């Protein structure tokens, strides 16, 4: 799955997380769910599994969760946080 680029550092907390792009000097804040999604990706979990778990946990339709996760991943790729060449769909 999508991996963080080499120039990216991140910190997670109960309140979410922060992603720092060392090359550009930019910072992105993540809400708790966004931070959890990145944690799961870094542990090697597949996007479909993550979507299924979030759908069940929050009782939201899987297709809605899937679309939101895809948008989140697209945004991280657009801002250079994730390496798009490692993405699975």
PDB file of N, CA and C in Angstrom:
ATOM      1  N   UNK A   1       0.841  -1.189   0.000  1.00  0.00           N
ATOM      2  CA  UNK A   1       0.000   0.000   0.000  1.00  0.00           C
ATOM      3  C   UNK A   1       0.870   1.230   0.000  1.00  0.00           C
ATOM      4  N   UNK A   2       0.241   2.350  -0.148  1.00  0.00           N
ATOM      5  CA  UNK A   2       0.945   3.629  -0.219  1.00  0.00           C
ATOM      6  C   UNK A   2       1.814   3.831   1.016  1.00  0.00           C
ATOM      7  N   UNK A   3       3.028   4.204   0.783  1.00  0.00           N
ATOM      8  CA  UNK A   3       3.967   4.437   1.869  1.00  0.00           C
ATOM      9  C   UNK A   3       4.340   5.911   1.918  1.00  0.00           C
ATOM     10  N   UNK A   4       4.736   6.340   3.095  1.00  0.00           N
ATOM     11  CA  UNK A   4       5.189   7.720   3.251  1.00  0.00           C
ATOM     12  C   UNK A   4       6.473   7.924   2.464  1.00  0.00           C
ATOM     13  N   UNK A   5       6.580   9.085   1.859  1.00  0.00           N
ATOM     14  CA  UNK A   5       7.828   9.425   1.162  1.00  0.00           C
ATOM     15  C   UNK A   5       8.950   9.585   2.192  1.00  0.00           C
ATOM     16  N   UNK A   6      10.184   9.509   1.732  1.00  0.00           N
ATOM     17  CA  UNK A   6      11.349   9.578   2.625  1.00  0.00           C
ATOM     18  C   UNK A   6      11.453  10.897   3.377  1.00  0.00           C
ATOM     19  N   UNK A   7      10.942  11.971   2.800  1.00  0.00           N
ATOM     20  CA  UNK A   7      11.062  13.291   3.407  1.00  0.00           C
ATOM     21  C   UNK A   7       9.925  13.608   4.381  1.00  0.00           C
ATOM     22  N   UNK A   8       9.094  12.619   4.679  1.00  0.00           N
ATOM     23  CA  UNK A   8       7.928  12.827   5.532  1.00  0.00           C
ATOM     24  C   UNK A   8       8.163  12.220   6.918  1.00  0.00           C
ATOM     25  N   UNK A   9       7.777  12.985   7.935  1.00  0.00           N
ATOM     26  CA  UNK A   9       7.782  12.509   9.318  1.00  0.00           C
ATOM     27  C   UNK A   9       6.394  12.739   9.874  1.00  0.00           C
ATOM     28  N   UNK A  10       5.976  11.864  10.783  1.00  0.00           N
ATOM     29  CA  UNK A  10       4.651  12.041  11.363  1.00  0.00           C
ATOM     30  C   UNK A  10       4.639  11.638  12.824  1.00  0.00           C
ATOM     31  N   UNK A  11       3.714  12.257  13.532  1.00  0.00           N
ATOM     32  CA  UNK A  11       3.504  11.982  14.948  1.00  0.00           C
ATOM     33  C   UNK A  11       2.010  11.792  15.144  1.00  0.00           C
ATOM     34  N   UNK A  12       1.640  10.788  15.931  1.00  0.00           N
ATOM     35  CA  UNK A  12       0.233  10.527  16.222  1.00  0.00           C
ATOM     36  C   UNK A  12      -0.036  10.727  17.702  1.00  0.00           C
ATOM     37  N   UNK A  13      -1.256  11.132  18.001  1.00  0.00           N
ATOM     38  CA  UNK A  13      -1.716  11.239  19.385  1.00  0.00           C
ATOM     39  C   UNK A  13      -3.200  10.919  19.402  1.00  0.00           C
ATOM     40  N   UNK A  14      -3.796  10.950  20.575  1.00  0.00           N
ATOM     41  CA  UNK A  14      -5.233  10.691  20.693  1.00  0.00           C
ATOM     42  C   UNK A  14      -6.051  11.754  19.960  1.00  0.00           C
ATOM     43  N   UNK A  15      -5.464  12.924  19.766  1.00  0.00           N
ATOM     44  CA  UNK A  15      -6.157  14.023  19.095  1.00  0.00           C
ATOM     45  C   UNK A  15      -5.982  14.017  17.585  1.00  0.00           C
ATOM     46  N   UNK A  16      -5.237  13.084  17.062  1.00  0.00           N
ATOM     47  CA  UNK A  16      -4.990  13.019  15.628  1.00  0.00           C
ATOM     48  C   UNK A  16      -3.516  12.874  15.353  1.00  0.00           C
ATOM     49  N   UNK A  17      -3.010  13.713  14.491  1.00  0.00           N
ATOM     50  CA  UNK A  17      -1.596  13.618  14.169  1.00  0.00           C
ATOM     51  C   UNK A  17      -1.134  14.798  13.355  1.00  0.00           C
ATOM     52  N   UNK A  18       0.177  14.822  13.164  1.00  0.00           N
ATOM     53  CA  UNK A  18       0.817  15.862  12.366  1.00  0.00           C
ATOM     54  C   UNK A  18       1.759  15.175  11.401  1.00  0.00           C
ATOM     55  N   UNK A  19       1.739  15.635  10.161  1.00  0.00           N
ATOM     56  CA  UNK A  19       2.639  15.143   9.127  1.00  0.00           C
ATOM     57  C   UNK A  19       3.503  16.317   8.704  1.00  0.00           C
ATOM     58  N   UNK A  20       4.820  16.127   8.722  1.00  0.00           N
ATOM     59  CA  UNK A  20       5.765  17.183   8.377  1.00  0.00           C
ATOM     60  C   UNK A  20       6.533  16.793   7.129  1.00  0.00           C
ATOM     61  N   UNK A  21       6.524  17.672   6.142  1.00  0.00           N
ATOM     62  CA  UNK A  21       7.317  17.488   4.933  1.00  0.00           C
ATOM     63  C   UNK A  21       8.618  18.241   5.146  1.00  0.00           C
ATOM     64  N   UNK A  22       9.703  17.512   5.412  1.00  0.00           N
ATOM     65  CA  UNK A  22      10.999  18.127   5.708  1.00  0.00           C
ATOM     66  C   UNK A  22      11.565  18.892   4.528  1.00  0.00           C
ATOM     67  N   UNK A  23      11.298  18.436   3.316  1.00  0.00           N
ATOM     68  CA  UNK A  23      11.836  19.085   2.123  1.00  0.00           C
ATOM     69  C   UNK A  23      11.204  20.452   1.902  1.00  0.00           C
ATOM     70  N   UNK A  24       9.890  20.524   2.034  1.00  0.00           N
ATOM     71  CA  UNK A  24       9.171  21.775   1.775  1.00  0.00           C
ATOM     72  C   UNK A  24       8.953  22.622   3.025  1.00  0.00           C
ATOM     73  N   UNK A  25       9.102  22.015   4.186  1.00  0.00           N
ATOM     74  CA  UNK A  25       8.848  22.743   5.420  1.00  0.00           C
ATOM     75  C   UNK A  25       7.362  22.965   5.676  1.00  0.00           C
ATOM     76  N   UNK A  26       6.527  22.085   5.142  1.00  0.00           N
ATOM     77  CA  UNK A  26       5.085  22.215   5.341  1.00  0.00           C
ATOM     78  C   UNK A  26       4.597  21.164   6.333  1.00  0.00           C
ATOM     79  N   UNK A  27       3.490  21.494   6.972  1.00  0.00           N
ATOM     80  CA  UNK A  27       2.926  20.621   7.990  1.00  0.00           C
ATOM     81  C   UNK A  27       1.442  20.414   7.702  1.00  0.00           C
ATOM     82  N   UNK A  28       0.962  19.206   7.936  1.00  0.00           N
ATOM     83  CA  UNK A  28      -0.439  18.869   7.758  1.00  0.00           C
ATOM     84  C   UNK A  28      -0.959  18.271   9.051  1.00  0.00           C
ATOM     85  N   UNK A  29      -2.139  18.676   9.444  1.00  0.00           N
ATOM     86  CA  UNK A  29      -2.776  18.106  10.629  1.00  0.00           C
ATOM     87  C   UNK A  29      -3.760  17.028  10.189  1.00  0.00           C
ATOM     88  N   UNK A  30      -3.825  15.976  10.981  1.00  0.00           N
ATOM     89  CA  UNK A  30      -4.742  14.876  10.713  1.00  0.00           C
ATOM     90  C   UNK A  30      -5.718  14.737  11.871  1.00  0.00           C
ATOM     91  N   UNK A  31      -6.976  14.452  11.547  1.00  0.00           N
ATOM     92  CA  UNK A  31      -7.910  14.147  12.621  1.00  0.00           C
ATOM     93  C   UNK A  31      -7.618  12.727  13.108  1.00  0.00           C
ATOM     94  N   UNK A  32      -8.232  12.298  14.207  1.00  0.00           N
ATOM     95  CA  UNK A  32      -7.917  10.962  14.738  1.00  0.00           C
ATOM     96  C   UNK A  32      -8.135   9.825  13.740  1.00  0.00           C
ATOM     97  N   UNK A  33      -9.174   9.901  12.939  1.00  0.00           N
ATOM     98  CA  UNK A  33      -9.427   8.825  11.988  1.00  0.00           C
ATOM     99  C   UNK A  33      -8.391   8.825  10.867  1.00  0.00           C
ATOM    100  N   UNK A  34      -8.002  10.001  10.389  1.00  0.00           N
ATOM    101  CA  UNK A  34      -6.958  10.075   9.373  1.00  0.00           C
ATOM    102  C   UNK A  34      -5.647   9.508   9.884  1.00  0.00           C
ATOM    103  N   UNK A  35      -5.321   9.820  11.123  1.00  0.00           N
ATOM    104  CA  UNK A  35      -4.105   9.295  11.735  1.00  0.00           C
ATOM    105  C   UNK A  35      -4.178   7.774  11.876  1.00  0.00           C
ATOM    106  N   UNK A  36      -5.359   7.269  12.252  1.00  0.00           N
ATOM    107  CA  UNK A  36      -5.535   5.823  12.377  1.00  0.00           C
ATOM    108  C   UNK A  36      -5.390   5.127  11.027  1.00  0.00           C
ATOM    109  N   UNK A  37      -5.918   5.727   9.985  1.00  0.00           N
ATOM    110  CA  UNK A  37      -5.784   5.144   8.646  1.00  0.00           C
ATOM    111  C   UNK A  37      -4.310   5.041   8.262  1.00  0.00           C
ATOM    112  N   UNK A  38      -3.544   6.106   8.502  1.00  0.00           N
ATOM    113  CA  UNK A  38      -2.107   6.039   8.195  1.00  0.00           C
ATOM    114  C   UNK A  38      -1.401   5.000   9.054  1.00  0.00           C
ATOM    115  N   UNK A  39      -1.766   4.900  10.338  1.00  0.00           N
ATOM    116  CA  UNK A  39      -1.179   3.864  11.198  1.00  0.00           C
ATOM    117  C   UNK A  39      -1.419   2.484  10.606  1.00  0.00           C
ATOM    118  N   UNK A  40      -2.646   2.235  10.186  1.00  0.00           N
ATOM    119  CA  UNK A  40      -2.995   0.931   9.621  1.00  0.00           C
ATOM    120  C   UNK A  40      -2.256   0.662   8.314  1.00  0.00           C
ATOM    121  N   UNK A  41      -2.129   1.684   7.480  1.00  0.00           N
ATOM    122  CA  UNK A  41      -1.378   1.519   6.234  1.00  0.00           C
ATOM    123  C   UNK A  41       0.071   1.175   6.515  1.00  0.00           C
ATOM    124  N   UNK A  42       0.656   1.850   7.491  1.00  0.00           N
ATOM    125  CA  UNK A  42       2.053   1.583   7.831  1.00  0.00           C
ATOM    126  C   UNK A  42       2.237   0.182   8.406  1.00  0.00           C
ATOM    127  N   UNK A  43       1.195  -0.385   8.998  1.00  0.00           N
ATOM    128  CA  UNK A  43       1.262  -1.756   9.508  1.00  0.00           C
ATOM    129  C   UNK A  43       1.023  -2.773   8.400  1.00  0.00           C
ATOM    130  N   UNK A  44       0.723  -2.283   7.187  1.00  0.00           N
ATOM    131  CA  UNK A  44       0.550  -3.183   6.053  1.00  0.00           C
ATOM    132  C   UNK A  44      -0.875  -3.631   5.810  1.00  0.00           C
ATOM    133  N   UNK A  45      -1.849  -3.028   6.487  1.00  0.00           N
ATOM    134  CA  UNK A  45      -3.241  -3.395   6.251  1.00  0.00           C
ATOM    135  C   UNK A  45      -3.687  -2.883   4.885  1.00  0.00           C
ATOM    136  N   UNK A  46      -4.530  -3.640   4.231  1.00  0.00           N
ATOM    137  CA  UNK A  46      -5.037  -3.282   2.907  1.00  0.00           C
ATOM    138  C   UNK A  46      -6.195  -2.296   3.035  1.00  0.00           C
ATOM    139  N   UNK A  47      -6.301  -1.411   2.053  1.00  0.00           N
ATOM    140  CA  UNK A  47      -7.376  -0.417   2.061  1.00  0.00           C
ATOM    141  C   UNK A  47      -8.770  -1.039   2.179  1.00  0.00           C
ATOM    142  N   UNK A  48      -9.086  -2.114   1.447  1.00  0.00           N
ATOM    143  CA  UNK A  48     -10.426  -2.696   1.590  1.00  0.00           C
ATOM    144  C   UNK A  48     -10.714  -3.157   3.026  1.00  0.00           C
ATOM    145  N   UNK A  49      -9.701  -3.712   3.700  1.00  0.00           N
ATOM    146  CA  UNK A  49      -9.885  -4.154   5.079  1.00  0.00           C
ATOM    147  C   UNK A  49     -10.115  -2.968   6.010  1.00  0.00           C
ATOM    148  N   UNK A  50      -9.372  -1.908   5.791  1.00  0.00           N
ATOM    149  CA  UNK A  50      -9.533  -0.699   6.596  1.00  0.00           C
ATOM    150  C   UNK A  50     -10.935  -0.137   6.404  1.00  0.00           C
ATOM    151  N   UNK A  51     -11.387  -0.080   5.162  1.00  0.00           N
ATOM    152  CA  UNK A  51     -12.728   0.437   4.875  1.00  0.00           C
ATOM    153  C   UNK A  51     -13.797  -0.420   5.537  1.00  0.00           C
ATOM    154  N   UNK A  52     -13.649  -1.725   5.491  1.00  0.00           N
ATOM    155  CA  UNK A  52     -14.624  -2.620   6.117  1.00  0.00           C
ATOM    156  C   UNK A  52     -14.685  -2.404   7.624  1.00  0.00           C
ATOM    157  N   UNK A  53     -13.531  -2.262   8.260  1.00  0.00           N
ATOM    158  CA  UNK A  53     -13.489  -2.081   9.709  1.00  0.00           C
ATOM    159  C   UNK A  53     -14.098  -0.746  10.122  1.00  0.00           C
ATOM    160  N   UNK A  54     -13.776   0.306   9.394  1.00  0.00           N
ATOM    161  CA  UNK A  54     -14.324   1.623   9.721  1.00  0.00           C
ATOM    162  C   UNK A  54     -15.835   1.634   9.484  1.00  0.00           C
ATOM    163  N   UNK A  55     -16.264   1.014   8.405  1.00  0.00           N
ATOM    164  CA  UNK A  55     -17.693   0.931   8.103  1.00  0.00           C
ATOM    165  C   UNK A  55     -18.449   0.251   9.244  1.00  0.00           C
ATOM    166  N   UNK A  56     -17.918  -0.850   9.716  1.00  0.00           N
ATOM    167  CA  UNK A  56     -18.567  -1.585  10.802  1.00  0.00           C
ATOM    168  C   UNK A  56     -18.521  -0.806  12.110  1.00  0.00           C
ATOM    169  N   UNK A  57     -17.374  -0.216  12.405  1.00  0.00           N
ATOM    170  CA  UNK A  57     -17.204   0.498  13.674  1.00  0.00           C
ATOM    171  C   UNK A  57     -18.124   1.713  13.783  1.00  0.00           C
ATOM    172  N   UNK A  58     -18.262   2.462  12.702  1.00  0.00           N
ATOM    173  CA  UNK A  58     -19.046   3.699  12.744  1.00  0.00           C
ATOM    174  C   UNK A  58     -20.445   3.552  12.132  1.00  0.00           C
ATOM    175  N   UNK A  59     -20.755   2.332  11.678  1.00  0.00           N
ATOM    176  CA  UNK A  59     -22.064   2.042  11.079  1.00  0.00           C
ATOM    177  C   UNK A  59     -22.389   3.004   9.928  1.00  0.00           C
ATOM    178  N   UNK A  60     -21.413   3.106   9.045  1.00  0.00           N
ATOM    179  CA  UNK A  60     -21.547   3.921   7.837  1.00  0.00           C
ATOM    180  C   UNK A  60     -21.406   2.974   6.652  1.00  0.00           C
ATOM    181  N   UNK A  61     -22.176   3.218   5.616  1.00  0.00           N
ATOM    182  CA  UNK A  61     -22.131   2.350   4.434  1.00  0.00           C
ATOM    183  C   UNK A  61     -20.699   2.234   3.906  1.00  0.00           C
ATOM    184  N   UNK A  62     -20.323   1.027   3.548  1.00  0.00           N
ATOM    185  CA  UNK A  62     -18.952   0.782   3.098  1.00  0.00           C
ATOM    186  C   UNK A  62     -18.583   1.628   1.889  1.00  0.00           C
ATOM    187  N   UNK A  63     -19.503   1.818   0.950  1.00  0.00           N
ATOM    188  CA  UNK A  63     -19.174   2.604  -0.239  1.00  0.00           C
ATOM    189  C   UNK A  63     -18.892   4.061   0.116  1.00  0.00           C
ATOM    190  N   UNK A  64     -19.535   4.574   1.140  1.00  0.00           N
ATOM    191  CA  UNK A  64     -19.269   5.947   1.600  1.00  0.00           C
ATOM    192  C   UNK A  64     -17.879   6.016   2.234  1.00  0.00           C
ATOM    193  N   UNK A  65     -17.572   5.041   3.086  1.00  0.00           N
ATOM    194  CA  UNK A  65     -16.253   4.989   3.731  1.00  0.00           C
ATOM    195  C   UNK A  65     -15.168   4.827   2.670  1.00  0.00           C
ATOM    196  N   UNK A  66     -15.390   3.937   1.708  1.00  0.00           N
ATOM    197  CA  UNK A  66     -14.401   3.695   0.650  1.00  0.00           C
ATOM    198  C   UNK A  66     -14.112   4.983  -0.124  1.00  0.00           C
ATOM    199  N   UNK A  67     -15.156   5.704  -0.494  1.00  0.00           N
ATOM    200  CA  UNK A  67     -14.972   6.961  -1.238  1.00  0.00           C
ATOM    201  C   UNK A  67     -14.207   7.976  -0.400  1.00  0.00           C
ATOM    202  N   UNK A  68     -14.513   8.065   0.884  1.00  0.00           N
ATOM    203  CA  UNK A  68     -13.808   9.007   1.761  1.00  0.00           C
ATOM    204  C   UNK A  68     -12.337   8.634   1.916  1.00  0.00           C
ATOM    205  N   UNK A  69     -12.060   7.355   2.055  1.00  0.00           N
ATOM    206  CA  UNK A  69     -10.661   6.913   2.172  1.00  0.00           C
ATOM    207  C   UNK A  69      -9.915   7.208   0.875  1.00  0.00           C
ATOM    208  N   UNK A  70     -10.537   6.951  -0.260  1.00  0.00           N
ATOM    209  CA  UNK A  70      -9.892   7.241  -1.542  1.00  0.00           C
ATOM    210  C   UNK A  70      -9.580   8.737  -1.666  1.00  0.00           C
ATOM    211  N   UNK A  71     -10.524   9.578  -1.261  1.00  0.00           N
ATOM    212  CA  UNK A  71     -10.295  11.026  -1.301  1.00  0.00           C
ATOM    213  C   UNK A  71      -9.137  11.421  -0.390  1.00  0.00           C
ATOM    214  N   UNK A  72      -9.084  10.820   0.788  1.00  0.00           N
ATOM    215  CA  UNK A  72      -8.013  11.089   1.750  1.00  0.00           C
ATOM    216  C   UNK A  72      -6.652  10.699   1.163  1.00  0.00           C
ATOM    217  N   UNK A  73      -6.575   9.506   0.594  1.00  0.00           N
ATOM    218  CA  UNK A  73      -5.329   9.022  -0.011  1.00  0.00           C
ATOM    219  C   UNK A  73      -4.935   9.916  -1.188  1.00  0.00           C
ATOM    220  N   UNK A  74      -5.900  10.272  -2.034  1.00  0.00           N
ATOM    221  CA  UNK A  74      -5.628  11.164  -3.167  1.00  0.00           C
ATOM    222  C   UNK A  74      -5.045  12.490  -2.687  1.00  0.00           C
ATOM    223  N   UNK A  75      -5.598  13.037  -1.623  1.00  0.00           N
ATOM    224  CA  UNK A  75      -5.121  14.308  -1.079  1.00  0.00           C
ATOM    225  C   UNK A  75      -3.690  14.186  -0.558  1.00  0.00           C
ATOM    226  N   UNK A  76      -3.404  13.096   0.139  1.00  0.00           N
ATOM    227  CA  UNK A  76      -2.048  12.890   0.651  1.00  0.00           C
ATOM    228  C   UNK A  76      -1.050  12.728  -0.489  1.00  0.00           C
ATOM    229  N   UNK A  77      -1.454  12.052  -1.553  1.00  0.00           N
ATOM    230  CA  UNK A  77      -0.578  11.917  -2.720  1.00  0.00           C
ATOM    231  C   UNK A  77      -0.371  13.267  -3.395  1.00  0.00           C
ATOM    232  N   UNK A  78      -1.432  14.029  -3.545  1.00  0.00           N
ATOM    233  CA  UNK A  78      -1.356  15.347  -4.170  1.00  0.00           C
ATOM    234  C   UNK A  78      -0.383  16.260  -3.433  1.00  0.00           C
ATOM    235  N   UNK A  79      -0.372  16.174  -2.112  1.00  0.00           N
ATOM    236  CA  UNK A  79       0.502  17.023  -1.301  1.00  0.00           C
ATOM    237  C   UNK A  79       1.879  16.411  -1.065  1.00  0.00           C
ATOM    238  N   UNK A  80       2.153  15.282  -1.721  1.00  0.00           N
ATOM    239  CA  UNK A  80       3.487  14.691  -1.651  1.00  0.00           C
ATOM    240  C   UNK A  80       3.789  13.922  -0.386  1.00  0.00           C
ATOM    241  N   UNK A  81       2.754  13.559   0.359  1.00  0.00           N
ATOM    242  CA  UNK A  81       2.962  12.810   1.597  1.00  0.00           C
ATOM    243  C   UNK A  81       3.149  11.328   1.294  1.00  0.00           C
ATOM    244  N   UNK A  82       2.306  10.786   0.430  1.00  0.00           N
ATOM    245  CA  UNK A  82       2.384   9.378   0.060  1.00  0.00           C
ATOM    246  C   UNK A  82       2.985   9.226  -1.321  1.00  0.00           C
ATOM    247  N   UNK A  83       3.683   8.136  -1.507  1.00  0.00           N
ATOM    248  CA  UNK A  83       4.265   7.811  -2.800  1.00  0.00           C
ATOM    249  C   UNK A  83       3.220   7.075  -3.638  1.00  0.00           C
ATOM    250  N   UNK A  84       2.700   7.720  -4.697  1.00  0.00           N
ATOM    251  CA  UNK A  84       1.627   7.093  -5.486  1.00  0.00           C
ATOM    252  C   UNK A  84       2.046   5.809  -6.194  1.00  0.00           C
ATOM    253  N   UNK A  85       3.331   5.600  -6.385  1.00  0.00           N
ATOM    254  CA  UNK A  85       3.773   4.387  -7.077  1.00  0.00           C
ATOM    255  C   UNK A  85       3.587   3.142  -6.223  1.00  0.00           C
ATOM    256  N   UNK A  86       3.335   3.304  -4.920  1.00  0.00           N
ATOM    257  CA  UNK A  86       3.155   2.160  -4.029  1.00  0.00           C
ATOM    258  C   UNK A  86       1.678   1.896  -3.741  1.00  0.00           C
ATOM    259  N   UNK A  87       0.793   2.603  -4.425  1.00  0.00           N
ATOM    260  CA  UNK A  87      -0.646   2.538  -4.130  1.00  0.00           C
ATOM    261  C   UNK A  87      -1.294   1.285  -4.708  1.00  0.00           C
ATOM    262  N   UNK A  88      -2.163   0.692  -3.916  1.00  0.00           N
ATOM    263  CA  UNK A  88      -3.025  -0.388  -4.392  1.00  0.00           C
ATOM    264  C   UNK A  88      -4.446   0.139  -4.400  1.00  0.00           C
ATOM    265  N   UNK A  89      -5.253  -0.361  -5.253  1.00  0.00           N
ATOM    266  CA  UNK A  89      -6.652   0.097  -5.337  1.00  0.00           C
ATOM    267  C   UNK A  89      -7.584  -1.057  -5.080  1.00  0.00           C
TER     268      UNK A  89
END
